[in-house]
């Protein structure tokens, strides 16, 4: 059988890079660095000791970059009041709850504690938690919606979400929100002012996420809540578009549409606050006094299209530390982003791109050789030939120069990843459901010269 043009032989690859097999095996495989997004993240100049705020698109409301996730509150109302009092005193003004939290009592507890303050002092977010099929009929869901007003003791809800769309796929979305007319009702409630901002939270089948965003012109989403952290950025879905999509794909789709992201699980349920000792040592070598959790929050908060970052703070110690982290936020530098990308690869195992070179995605309307780029990248991963992400390493320039030279030799200029414009034409054609534009951006990062 004739070998396709883009199927790079291992021996040819090593020869182009100027390395023999023994030299290749001595190199360490590390991931591509993340792009830096933090340059002008804040709408105004941060002041030491003052909370960082982001402006909500459209309304211009100043939302605290640290949001209070209230799912797991202490049992005692007095202790909840103490936490909320500290949070509000230090600039936190976004509070997230749902009817299903706390065995159905969370909204009541949140309403009790927030109602002690003037209404303009806080923004409350709650959800349509009608996941149970018995609640799909319109009247049942409407009853849940109206009950939220009573329990929260408000006459309008600042941020209202379709709760956890994606679970159960498109059939569940239709049953919960479309066929029963509930989504149309919620859109009208926003028009009436009883909902100020309408959005949804996402887990599960990304086709549901894509469907709602594909209908953005119809629903005009004000925000979307996604799970995002430096591990899930590229290691949640292992490079695929369907269930458990990587946060990189979710975030980039929202940013492209101008829809701000509310972030949940910024430290992955605490997993990124309790990292392995060798990983913690890598972090402390850069910032000796910073906890792993602080690193995780800083990474998420550095993204400019993030409106607020939710943290479930049920202990005063956690609340105090998080307030310090965001007062003001110190955005991650390029080198810090690279370190966290490397650590994420260590934690997840750096994956190849799941391309089978079937070429169903071809031809690309902009001339990109999609299978050829992926074949080159996968060969680099398998032979441990990716340039190190630490741009301060003494031999970084030499390694990257060798990689770039081999890439330019293998892939003609007009067919390289840099030619990709993220048109999305290829996405529906790929039988492996690879998020092709995102993977192309990874290759572009590897071939981008670092500034000294």
Protein backbone atom coordinates (compact mmCIF):
# COMPACT_ATOMS: atom_id res chain seq x y z
CA UNK A 1 0.00 0.00 0.00
CA UNK A 2 1.33 3.48 -0.85
CA UNK A 3 2.14 5.58 2.19
CA UNK A 4 0.27 8.95 2.28
CA UNK A 5 2.37 12.11 1.88
CA UNK A 6 1.60 13.26 5.41
CA UNK A 7 2.49 9.92 7.07
CA UNK A 8 5.94 10.79 8.43
CA UNK A 9 8.29 7.85 8.91
CA UNK A 10 10.00 7.76 12.32
CA UNK A 11 13.49 7.46 10.83
CA UNK A 12 12.81 10.38 8.46
CA UNK A 13 11.50 12.47 11.34
CA UNK A 14 14.60 11.90 13.48
CA UNK A 15 16.84 12.61 10.53
CA UNK A 16 15.11 15.92 9.86
CA UNK A 17 15.56 16.91 13.48
CA UNK A 18 19.24 15.97 13.34
CA UNK A 19 19.01 13.40 16.12
CA UNK A 20 19.57 9.68 16.32
CA UNK A 21 17.35 7.29 18.25
CA UNK A 22 19.55 7.37 21.35
CA UNK A 23 19.55 11.17 21.48
CA UNK A 24 15.81 11.27 20.96
CA UNK A 25 15.14 8.98 23.89
CA UNK A 26 17.20 11.19 26.16
CA UNK A 27 14.86 14.18 25.67
CA UNK A 28 11.93 14.81 27.99
CA UNK A 29 8.42 15.13 26.54
CA UNK A 30 6.67 18.24 27.83
CA UNK A 31 3.49 19.98 26.77
CA UNK A 32 2.90 23.06 24.69
CA UNK A 33 2.83 26.31 26.65
CA UNK A 34 -0.45 28.05 27.16
CA UNK A 35 -1.05 31.39 25.54
CA UNK A 36 -0.94 34.36 27.92
CA UNK A 37 -4.27 36.17 28.26
CA UNK A 38 -3.58 38.24 31.35
CA UNK A 39 -2.13 41.49 30.03
CA UNK A 40 -5.13 43.78 30.40
CA UNK A 41 -7.52 41.59 32.35
CA UNK A 42 -8.85 44.18 34.79
CA UNK A 43 -11.24 46.98 33.80
CA UNK A 44 -9.44 49.42 36.09
CA UNK A 45 -6.19 49.68 38.00
CA UNK A 46 -6.01 47.15 40.86
CA UNK A 47 -5.33 48.53 44.32
CA UNK A 48 -3.46 46.56 46.96
CA UNK A 49 -5.88 45.02 49.42
CA UNK A 50 -8.87 45.70 47.17
CA UNK A 51 -10.91 43.07 45.38
CA UNK A 52 -10.48 42.74 41.61
CA UNK A 53 -13.70 43.28 39.67
CA UNK A 54 -14.80 42.48 36.13
CA UNK A 55 -17.44 44.43 34.23
CA UNK A 56 -20.45 42.48 33.02
CA UNK A 57 -20.90 42.90 29.28
CA UNK A 58 -23.88 45.06 28.48
CA UNK A 59 -24.96 46.13 31.96
CA UNK A 60 -21.50 47.29 33.09
CA UNK A 61 -22.08 45.86 36.58
CA UNK A 62 -18.85 45.44 38.55
CA UNK A 63 -18.73 41.78 39.62
CA UNK A 64 -16.15 40.53 42.09
CA UNK A 65 -13.70 38.19 40.36
CA UNK A 66 -14.03 35.91 43.39
CA UNK A 67 -17.55 34.50 43.58
CA UNK A 68 -19.02 32.68 46.59
CA UNK A 69 -20.21 29.18 45.68
CA UNK A 70 -22.73 28.32 48.38
CA UNK A 71 -23.45 24.66 47.69
CA UNK A 72 -21.73 23.30 50.82
CA UNK A 73 -22.49 25.78 53.58
CA UNK A 74 -22.09 25.18 57.32
CA UNK A 75 -25.17 23.88 59.10
CA UNK A 76 -25.52 26.85 61.44
CA UNK A 77 -27.10 30.02 60.04
CA UNK A 78 -24.91 32.12 62.33
CA UNK A 79 -21.75 30.63 60.81
CA UNK A 80 -23.08 31.26 57.29
CA UNK A 81 -23.76 34.86 58.29
CA UNK A 82 -20.19 35.21 59.60
CA UNK A 83 -18.70 33.97 56.33
CA UNK A 84 -20.94 36.15 54.19
CA UNK A 85 -20.26 39.21 56.34
CA UNK A 86 -16.52 38.75 55.85
CA UNK A 87 -16.95 38.18 52.13
CA UNK A 88 -19.07 41.29 51.56
CA UNK A 89 -16.78 43.39 53.76
CA UNK A 90 -13.89 42.41 51.49
CA UNK A 91 -15.61 43.07 48.18
CA UNK A 92 -17.23 39.73 47.25
CA UNK A 93 -20.63 40.46 45.74
CA UNK A 94 -21.54 37.37 43.64
CA UNK A 95 -23.32 34.52 45.46
CA UNK A 96 -24.26 31.27 43.72
CA UNK A 97 -26.94 28.83 44.91
CA UNK A 98 -29.54 26.40 43.51
CA UNK A 99 -32.84 24.82 44.65
CA UNK A 100 -31.27 21.36 44.88
CA UNK A 101 -28.33 22.37 47.10
CA UNK A 102 -28.36 21.54 50.78
CA UNK A 103 -31.17 19.04 50.47
CA UNK A 104 -33.44 21.75 49.11
CA UNK A 105 -32.77 24.29 51.88
CA UNK A 106 -29.82 26.18 50.45
CA UNK A 107 -31.81 28.99 48.85
CA UNK A 108 -33.56 29.63 52.16
CA UNK A 109 -30.26 29.87 54.04
CA UNK A 110 -28.79 32.13 51.35
CA UNK A 111 -31.90 34.29 51.34
CA UNK A 112 -31.75 34.68 55.12
CA UNK A 113 -28.13 35.81 55.11
CA UNK A 114 -28.23 38.10 52.07
CA UNK A 115 -31.54 39.78 52.98
CA UNK A 116 -29.74 41.47 55.88
CA UNK A 117 -28.06 43.70 53.29
CA UNK A 118 -29.42 46.32 50.89
CA UNK A 119 -30.38 44.65 47.62
CA UNK A 120 -27.78 46.61 45.61
CA UNK A 121 -24.93 45.17 47.75
CA UNK A 122 -25.05 41.71 46.19
CA UNK A 123 -25.76 39.73 43.02
CA UNK A 124 -27.46 36.39 43.51
CA UNK A 125 -27.34 33.51 41.04
CA UNK A 126 -29.68 30.54 41.16
CA UNK A 127 -30.80 27.85 38.75
CA UNK A 128 -33.58 25.87 37.18
CA UNK A 129 -32.71 22.51 38.75
CA UNK A 130 -35.39 20.43 37.03
CA UNK A 131 -33.14 17.46 36.28
CA UNK A 132 -35.72 15.06 37.71
CA UNK A 133 -38.06 14.07 34.89
CA UNK A 134 -41.06 14.55 37.18
CA UNK A 135 -40.27 18.28 37.10
CA UNK A 136 -40.18 18.60 33.30
CA UNK A 137 -43.84 19.63 32.89
CA UNK A 138 -44.01 23.41 32.53
CA UNK A 139 -46.11 24.04 35.64
CA UNK A 140 -43.77 22.00 37.85
CA UNK A 141 -40.72 23.88 36.60
CA UNK A 142 -42.49 27.23 36.89
CA UNK A 143 -43.32 26.38 40.49
CA UNK A 144 -39.61 25.81 41.19
CA UNK A 145 -38.77 29.12 39.54
CA UNK A 146 -41.32 31.07 41.58
CA UNK A 147 -40.25 29.35 44.78
CA UNK A 148 -36.70 30.63 44.29
CA UNK A 149 -37.96 34.21 44.60
CA UNK A 150 -39.70 33.43 47.88
CA UNK A 151 -36.78 31.57 49.42
CA UNK A 152 -34.20 34.12 48.31
CA UNK A 153 -36.49 36.97 49.43
CA UNK A 154 -36.00 38.93 46.22
CA UNK A 155 -38.23 40.35 43.50
CA UNK A 156 -35.64 39.84 40.76
CA UNK A 157 -32.80 37.36 40.23
CA UNK A 158 -29.52 38.75 38.96
CA UNK A 159 -28.12 35.62 37.28
CA UNK A 160 -30.42 32.73 36.38
CA UNK A 161 -29.12 29.49 34.89
CA UNK A 162 -30.44 26.42 33.16
CA UNK A 163 -28.81 24.01 35.57
CA UNK A 164 -26.30 21.44 34.32
CA UNK A 165 -27.30 21.13 30.69
CA UNK A 166 -25.53 18.36 28.78
CA UNK A 167 -26.40 15.48 31.05
CA UNK A 168 -28.66 13.13 29.10
CA UNK A 169 -27.82 14.75 25.78
CA UNK A 170 -30.19 16.54 23.42
CA UNK A 171 -33.25 14.49 24.38
CA UNK A 172 -32.98 15.69 27.96
CA UNK A 173 -32.46 19.30 26.88
CA UNK A 174 -35.63 19.10 24.79
CA UNK A 175 -37.60 17.58 27.65
CA UNK A 176 -36.38 20.04 30.29
CA UNK A 177 -36.40 23.32 28.38
CA UNK A 178 -37.48 23.23 24.73
CA UNK A 179 -40.54 21.05 24.16
CA UNK A 180 -42.31 22.33 27.32
CA UNK A 181 -41.78 26.00 26.43
CA UNK A 182 -39.77 26.68 29.58
CA UNK A 183 -36.82 28.33 27.87
CA UNK A 184 -39.14 30.65 25.96
CA UNK A 185 -40.79 31.52 29.27
CA UNK A 186 -37.44 32.33 30.91
CA UNK A 187 -36.46 34.56 28.00
CA UNK A 188 -39.71 36.50 28.51
CA UNK A 189 -39.00 36.72 32.25
CA UNK A 190 -35.69 38.39 31.39
CA UNK A 191 -37.52 40.81 29.12
CA UNK A 192 -39.85 41.61 32.03
CA UNK A 193 -36.86 42.31 34.32
CA UNK A 194 -37.49 39.51 36.83
CA UNK A 195 -34.33 37.87 35.48
CA UNK A 196 -31.48 40.32 34.86
CA UNK A 197 -29.06 37.91 33.15
CA UNK A 198 -29.86 34.50 31.64
CA UNK A 199 -27.33 31.73 31.10
CA UNK A 200 -26.67 28.04 31.66
CA UNK A 201 -24.20 25.76 33.40
CA UNK A 202 -22.70 22.89 31.43
CA UNK A 203 -21.61 19.33 32.20
CA UNK A 204 -21.64 16.32 29.88
CA UNK A 205 -22.45 16.06 26.19
CA UNK A 206 -20.83 19.02 24.45
CA UNK A 207 -23.31 18.76 21.58
CA UNK A 208 -25.86 20.32 23.92
CA UNK A 209 -23.42 23.12 24.74
CA UNK A 210 -22.84 23.68 21.04
CA UNK A 211 -26.56 23.64 20.26
CA UNK A 212 -27.33 26.41 22.75
CA UNK A 213 -24.42 28.51 21.52
CA UNK A 214 -25.40 27.89 17.90
CA UNK A 215 -28.75 29.48 18.86
CA UNK A 216 -27.16 32.45 20.63
CA UNK A 217 -28.83 34.86 18.20
CA UNK A 218 -32.18 33.51 19.37
CA UNK A 219 -31.58 33.32 23.14
CA UNK A 220 -28.87 35.97 23.64
CA UNK A 221 -27.01 34.29 26.48
CA UNK A 222 -25.60 36.78 28.98
CA UNK A 223 -23.13 34.33 30.54
CA UNK A 224 -22.31 30.61 30.68
CA UNK A 225 -20.93 28.65 33.62
CA UNK A 226 -18.26 26.07 32.78
CA UNK A 227 -15.77 23.90 34.63
CA UNK A 228 -12.29 25.26 34.01
CA UNK A 229 -8.89 24.80 35.60
CA UNK A 230 -5.37 24.30 34.35
CA UNK A 231 -5.76 20.50 34.26
CA UNK A 232 -9.14 20.43 32.49
CA UNK A 233 -7.92 23.07 30.05
CA UNK A 234 -6.56 20.36 27.75
CA UNK A 235 -7.05 17.12 29.67
CA UNK A 236 -10.80 16.85 30.33
CA UNK A 237 -11.84 15.39 26.99
CA UNK A 238 -8.50 14.14 25.65
CA UNK A 239 -8.81 16.24 22.52
CA UNK A 240 -12.37 15.34 21.52
CA UNK A 241 -15.50 17.42 21.01
CA UNK A 242 -18.11 15.25 22.62
CA UNK A 243 -18.68 14.40 26.29
CA UNK A 244 -16.36 16.03 28.80
CA UNK A 245 -14.94 18.58 26.37
CA UNK A 246 -11.72 20.29 27.34
CA UNK A 247 -12.17 23.68 28.98
CA UNK A 248 -10.03 25.23 26.25
CA UNK A 249 -12.75 24.47 23.71
CA UNK A 250 -15.58 25.70 25.95
CA UNK A 251 -13.81 28.92 26.91
CA UNK A 252 -12.69 29.72 23.37
CA UNK A 253 -16.20 29.24 21.97
CA UNK A 254 -17.61 31.62 24.56
CA UNK A 255 -14.88 34.19 24.03
CA UNK A 256 -15.39 34.11 20.28
CA UNK A 257 -19.11 34.86 20.77
CA UNK A 258 -18.48 37.56 23.36
CA UNK A 259 -20.23 35.60 26.13
CA UNK A 260 -18.53 35.86 29.51
CA UNK A 261 -17.70 32.72 31.48
CA UNK A 262 -18.49 32.02 35.10
CA UNK A 263 -16.05 29.41 36.35
CA UNK A 264 -16.82 26.43 38.57
CA UNK A 265 -14.31 23.87 39.85
CA UNK A 266 -11.30 26.21 39.48
CA UNK A 267 -9.23 23.84 41.61
CA UNK A 268 -11.09 20.72 40.47
CA UNK A 269 -12.97 19.96 43.65
CA UNK A 270 -9.84 20.56 45.73
CA UNK A 271 -7.64 18.19 43.72
CA UNK A 272 -5.41 21.05 42.59
CA UNK A 273 -5.07 22.24 46.17
CA UNK A 274 -3.70 18.83 47.22
CA UNK A 275 -1.13 18.09 44.55
CA UNK A 276 1.71 15.57 44.75
CA UNK A 277 4.81 16.62 46.67
CA UNK A 278 7.04 16.84 43.60
CA UNK A 279 4.51 19.12 41.89
CA UNK A 280 4.18 21.31 44.96
CA UNK A 281 7.97 21.62 45.04
CA UNK A 282 7.94 22.89 41.46
CA UNK A 283 5.40 25.55 42.42
CA UNK A 284 7.18 26.60 45.60
CA UNK A 285 10.45 26.93 43.70
CA UNK A 286 8.81 29.88 41.94
CA UNK A 287 6.67 31.30 44.76
CA UNK A 288 7.73 29.78 48.12
CA UNK A 289 4.79 31.26 50.05
CA UNK A 290 1.99 30.48 47.59
CA UNK A 291 -0.26 27.47 48.10
CA UNK A 292 -1.19 25.19 45.18
CA UNK A 293 -4.77 26.49 45.48
CA UNK A 294 -3.58 30.06 44.98
CA UNK A 295 -1.80 28.98 41.79
CA UNK A 296 -5.01 27.42 40.50
CA UNK A 297 -7.12 30.49 41.23
CA UNK A 298 -4.57 32.83 39.69
CA UNK A 299 -4.46 30.77 36.49
CA UNK A 300 -8.24 30.86 36.08
CA UNK A 301 -8.60 34.50 37.05
CA UNK A 302 -5.96 35.53 34.52
CA UNK A 303 -8.29 34.74 31.62
CA UNK A 304 -9.87 38.01 30.48
CA UNK A 305 -13.26 36.58 29.45
CA UNK A 306 -13.89 35.22 32.97
CA UNK A 307 -16.56 37.21 34.79
CA UNK A 308 -16.20 35.54 38.18
CA UNK A 309 -14.54 32.45 39.69
CA UNK A 310 -16.69 30.42 42.08
CA UNK A 311 -15.19 28.89 45.18
CA UNK A 312 -17.11 26.82 47.71
CA UNK A 313 -15.84 28.46 50.88
CA UNK A 314 -17.31 26.85 53.98
CA UNK A 315 -14.33 27.61 56.23
CA UNK A 316 -13.08 31.05 57.22
CA UNK A 317 -9.49 30.02 56.51
CA UNK A 318 -10.31 29.26 52.87
CA UNK A 319 -12.33 32.45 52.50
CA UNK A 320 -9.53 34.60 53.89
CA UNK A 321 -6.91 33.02 51.64
CA UNK A 322 -9.07 33.37 48.54
CA UNK A 323 -9.90 36.99 49.29
CA UNK A 324 -6.18 37.68 49.58
CA UNK A 325 -5.54 35.95 46.23
CA UNK A 326 -8.05 38.17 44.44
CA UNK A 327 -7.26 41.43 46.28
CA UNK A 328 -5.94 42.19 43.77
CA UNK A 329 -5.37 39.28 41.43
CA UNK A 330 -1.79 38.93 40.19
CA UNK A 331 -2.17 37.48 36.67
CA UNK A 332 0.04 34.54 35.71
CA UNK A 333 3.10 35.36 33.63
CA UNK A 334 4.04 33.50 30.45
CA UNK A 335 6.56 31.43 32.38
CA UNK A 336 3.98 30.56 35.06
CA UNK A 337 1.45 29.51 32.43
CA UNK A 338 4.11 27.30 30.87
CA UNK A 339 4.92 25.72 34.23
CA UNK A 340 1.25 24.93 34.90
CA UNK A 341 0.86 23.47 31.40
CA UNK A 342 3.85 21.23 32.11
CA UNK A 343 2.39 20.21 35.48
CA UNK A 344 -0.98 19.43 33.88
CA UNK A 345 0.78 17.18 31.39
CA UNK A 346 2.57 15.44 34.25
CA UNK A 347 -0.70 14.92 36.08
CA UNK A 348 -2.68 13.67 33.09
CA UNK A 349 -0.07 12.13 30.81
CA UNK A 350 0.62 14.14 27.71
CA UNK A 351 -1.65 12.80 24.94
CA UNK A 352 -1.16 12.49 21.25
CA UNK A 353 -3.88 13.81 18.94
CA UNK A 354 -6.27 10.98 18.09
CA UNK A 355 -5.94 11.40 14.33
CA UNK A 356 -6.09 8.24 12.19
CA UNK A 357 -5.02 10.14 9.00
CA UNK A 358 -8.28 9.13 7.31
CA UNK A 359 -8.35 12.61 5.70
CA UNK A 360 -12.15 12.88 5.92
CA UNK A 361 -11.54 16.44 7.12
CA UNK A 362 -9.86 17.36 3.85
CA UNK A 363 -9.72 19.46 1.83
CA UNK A 364 -9.39 22.41 4.19
CA UNK A 365 -10.83 25.57 2.58
CA UNK A 366 -7.73 27.47 3.73
CA UNK A 367 -5.22 24.86 2.60
CA UNK A 368 -4.12 23.44 5.96
CA UNK A 369 -2.78 19.88 5.73
CA UNK A 370 -4.65 18.73 8.81
CA UNK A 371 -3.50 15.08 8.87
CA UNK A 372 0.07 16.09 8.00
CA UNK A 373 0.30 18.55 10.88
CA UNK A 374 -1.13 16.01 13.29
CA UNK A 375 1.16 13.23 12.06
CA UNK A 376 4.19 15.45 12.62
CA UNK A 377 3.00 16.45 16.09
CA UNK A 378 2.25 12.87 17.15
CA UNK A 379 5.66 11.74 15.94
CA UNK A 380 7.25 14.45 18.08
CA UNK A 381 5.27 13.30 21.13
CA UNK A 382 6.03 9.62 20.64
CA UNK A 383 9.75 10.24 20.17
CA UNK A 384 10.05 12.76 23.02
CA UNK A 385 11.08 15.59 20.74
CA UNK A 386 8.81 18.45 21.75
CA UNK A 387 10.73 21.56 22.84
CA UNK A 388 10.74 22.15 26.57
CA UNK A 389 8.07 24.64 27.75
CA UNK A 390 10.57 26.32 30.12
CA UNK A 391 11.83 29.16 27.96
CA UNK A 392 14.48 30.01 30.57
CA UNK A 393 16.28 26.66 30.15
CA UNK A 394 19.82 27.05 28.81
CA UNK A 395 19.18 24.77 25.82
CA UNK A 396 15.60 25.86 25.11
CA UNK A 397 16.46 27.89 22.02
CA UNK A 398 18.51 25.06 20.53
CA UNK A 399 15.73 22.53 21.07
CA UNK A 400 13.03 24.78 19.69
CA UNK A 401 15.13 25.76 16.67
CA UNK A 402 15.60 22.07 15.84
CA UNK A 403 11.88 21.40 16.22
CA UNK A 404 10.88 24.39 14.08
CA UNK A 405 13.40 23.48 11.38
CA UNK A 406 12.02 19.94 11.18
CA UNK A 407 8.44 21.23 11.11
CA UNK A 408 9.16 23.70 8.30
CA UNK A 409 10.93 20.99 6.34
CA UNK A 410 8.04 18.55 6.71
CA UNK A 411 5.10 20.94 6.21
CA UNK A 412 5.06 23.57 3.42
CA UNK A 413 4.29 27.12 4.58
CA UNK A 414 0.85 27.23 2.97
CA UNK A 415 -0.17 23.99 4.72
CA UNK A 416 0.99 24.76 8.27
CA UNK A 417 -1.12 25.18 11.40
CA UNK A 418 -0.62 28.96 11.26
CA UNK A 419 -2.93 29.02 8.21
CA UNK A 420 -5.91 27.76 10.29
CA UNK A 421 -8.50 30.50 10.86
CA UNK A 422 -10.81 28.49 13.16
CA UNK A 423 -13.60 28.43 10.58
CA UNK A 424 -14.95 25.16 12.01
CA UNK A 425 -15.57 23.60 8.59
CA UNK A 426 -13.66 20.46 9.57
CA UNK A 427 -15.33 19.76 12.90
CA UNK A 428 -18.40 17.89 11.71
CA UNK A 429 -16.36 15.81 9.26
CA UNK A 430 -13.95 14.23 11.73
CA UNK A 431 -15.10 10.72 12.78
CA UNK A 432 -12.81 10.97 15.83
CA UNK A 433 -14.52 14.22 16.94
CA UNK A 434 -11.17 15.99 17.28
CA UNK A 435 -11.41 19.70 18.02
CA UNK A 436 -9.12 20.47 15.11
CA UNK A 437 -8.72 24.28 15.45
CA UNK A 438 -7.73 23.94 19.10
CA UNK A 439 -5.16 21.30 18.30
CA UNK A 440 -3.78 23.50 15.53
CA UNK A 441 -3.31 26.31 18.05
CA UNK A 442 -1.24 23.90 20.17
CA UNK A 443 1.12 23.33 17.25
CA UNK A 444 1.32 27.07 16.58
CA UNK A 445 2.40 27.65 20.19
CA UNK A 446 5.18 25.09 19.84
CA UNK A 447 6.58 26.84 16.79
CA UNK A 448 6.33 30.36 18.19
CA UNK A 449 9.66 31.91 19.15
CA UNK A 450 9.93 33.02 22.77
CA UNK A 451 10.96 36.58 23.50
CA UNK A 452 13.96 37.00 25.75
